[in-house]
C-alpha cells in the first residue's frame, strides 16, 4: 500500500492534468497582466498631459476642453503598440480559458 509505479497510466494522466492546469493558470495571469499593461500604456497619453487651463469658448462661458484637439490622438497609428499588447493578452486569456 502506498507504493505506485511512475509508469502507471493513472499517475501519468494525473500529472499531465496538473501540468496543463498550471500552464493555463500562467497563461491567464500573463494575459490579464498584458491587458492591464496595454490599457495603462494606452492611457498614458491622456494621463501624462498637464491639466487644461480654463479658457473662454466663442459661444461664451468657460471650458476645460483642450483647444483644437481632434480625434487624431485616438488613431491606430499612434496607439498600435498598446493595442498589440492588449490583443496578445486577449489571445493568452483565450488560450488559458480553453486549455
Protein backbone atom coordinates (compact mmCIF):
# COMPACT_ATOMS: atom_id res chain seq x y z
CA UNK A 1 0.00 0.00 0.00
CA UNK A 2 1.30 3.46 -0.79
CA UNK A 3 3.64 2.24 -3.49
CA UNK A 4 2.90 3.17 -7.04
CA UNK A 5 4.68 2.88 -10.28
CA UNK A 6 5.71 6.08 -12.04
CA UNK A 7 4.65 4.35 -15.27
CA UNK A 8 1.12 3.78 -14.01
CA UNK A 9 -1.30 5.26 -16.61
CA UNK A 10 -3.43 6.90 -13.91
CA UNK A 11 -0.37 8.63 -12.40
CA UNK A 12 0.79 9.80 -15.84
CA UNK A 13 -2.71 11.13 -16.62
CA UNK A 14 -2.89 12.92 -13.25
CA UNK A 15 0.48 14.62 -13.66
CA UNK A 16 -0.42 15.62 -17.23
CA UNK A 17 -3.63 17.26 -16.00
CA UNK A 18 -1.70 19.17 -13.32
CA UNK A 19 0.81 20.45 -15.87
CA UNK A 20 -1.96 21.57 -18.24
CA UNK A 21 -3.75 23.35 -15.40
CA UNK A 22 -0.55 25.14 -14.37
CA UNK A 23 0.15 26.25 -17.94
CA UNK A 24 -3.43 27.51 -18.27
CA UNK A 25 -3.14 29.41 -14.98
CA UNK A 26 0.07 31.14 -16.07
CA UNK A 27 -1.42 31.95 -19.47
CA UNK A 28 -4.45 33.56 -17.82
CA UNK A 29 -2.34 35.55 -15.35
CA UNK A 30 0.05 36.72 -18.06
CA UNK A 31 -2.83 37.61 -20.38
CA UNK A 32 -4.56 39.64 -17.67
CA UNK A 33 -1.31 41.46 -16.86
CA UNK A 34 -0.75 42.23 -20.56
CA UNK A 35 -4.26 43.62 -20.95
CA UNK A 36 -3.90 45.83 -17.87
CA UNK A 37 -0.44 46.95 -19.00
CA UNK A 38 -1.73 47.67 -22.51
CA UNK A 39 -4.59 49.76 -21.15
CA UNK A 40 -2.22 51.73 -18.92
CA UNK A 41 0.09 52.24 -21.91
CA UNK A 42 -2.91 53.38 -23.95
CA UNK A 43 -3.98 55.85 -21.27
CA UNK A 44 -0.52 57.35 -20.69
CA UNK A 45 -1.02 59.87 -23.47
CA UNK A 46 -4.10 61.21 -21.73
CA UNK A 47 -2.80 60.82 -18.18
CA UNK A 48 0.61 62.33 -18.91
CA UNK A 49 -0.70 65.65 -20.17
CA UNK A 50 -0.87 68.68 -17.99
CA UNK A 51 -4.37 69.72 -16.99
CA UNK A 52 -6.15 72.15 -19.26
CA UNK A 53 -6.43 75.80 -18.40
CA UNK A 54 -9.96 77.12 -18.28
CA UNK A 55 -10.47 79.27 -21.35
CA UNK A 56 -13.33 81.14 -22.98
CA UNK A 57 -15.46 79.47 -25.63
CA UNK A 58 -16.56 81.52 -28.67
CA UNK A 59 -20.18 80.96 -27.61
CA UNK A 60 -19.41 82.32 -24.13
CA UNK A 61 -18.63 80.59 -20.89
CA UNK A 62 -15.53 78.66 -19.89
CA UNK A 63 -14.46 75.12 -20.65
CA UNK A 64 -11.65 72.76 -19.75
CA UNK A 65 -11.66 71.14 -23.17
CA UNK A 66 -8.32 71.50 -24.95
CA UNK A 67 -8.26 73.84 -27.91
CA UNK A 68 -8.24 72.31 -31.40
CA UNK A 69 -7.81 68.72 -30.33
CA UNK A 70 -9.28 66.45 -32.92
CA UNK A 71 -9.70 62.73 -32.70
CA UNK A 72 -6.20 62.04 -34.03
CA UNK A 73 -4.99 61.04 -30.57
CA UNK A 74 -7.39 58.07 -30.74
CA UNK A 75 -5.97 56.83 -34.04
CA UNK A 76 -4.47 53.39 -34.57
CA UNK A 77 -1.24 54.85 -35.93
CA UNK A 78 -0.33 56.30 -32.52
CA UNK A 79 -1.80 53.56 -30.36
CA UNK A 80 -0.84 50.37 -32.22
CA UNK A 81 1.76 49.19 -29.65
CA UNK A 82 -0.77 49.32 -26.82
CA UNK A 83 -3.42 47.65 -28.98
CA UNK A 84 -0.96 44.89 -29.90
CA UNK A 85 -0.19 44.24 -26.22
CA UNK A 86 -3.92 44.12 -25.43
CA UNK A 87 -4.54 41.71 -28.34
CA UNK A 88 -1.69 39.45 -27.18
CA UNK A 89 -3.16 39.45 -23.68
CA UNK A 90 -6.59 38.55 -25.07
CA UNK A 91 -5.08 35.65 -27.02
CA UNK A 92 -3.35 34.36 -23.90
CA UNK A 93 -6.62 34.64 -21.94
CA UNK A 94 -8.43 32.68 -24.64
CA UNK A 95 -5.66 30.05 -24.71
CA UNK A 96 -5.73 29.71 -20.93
CA UNK A 97 -9.50 29.53 -20.84
CA UNK A 98 -9.71 26.73 -23.38
CA UNK A 99 -6.81 24.66 -22.05
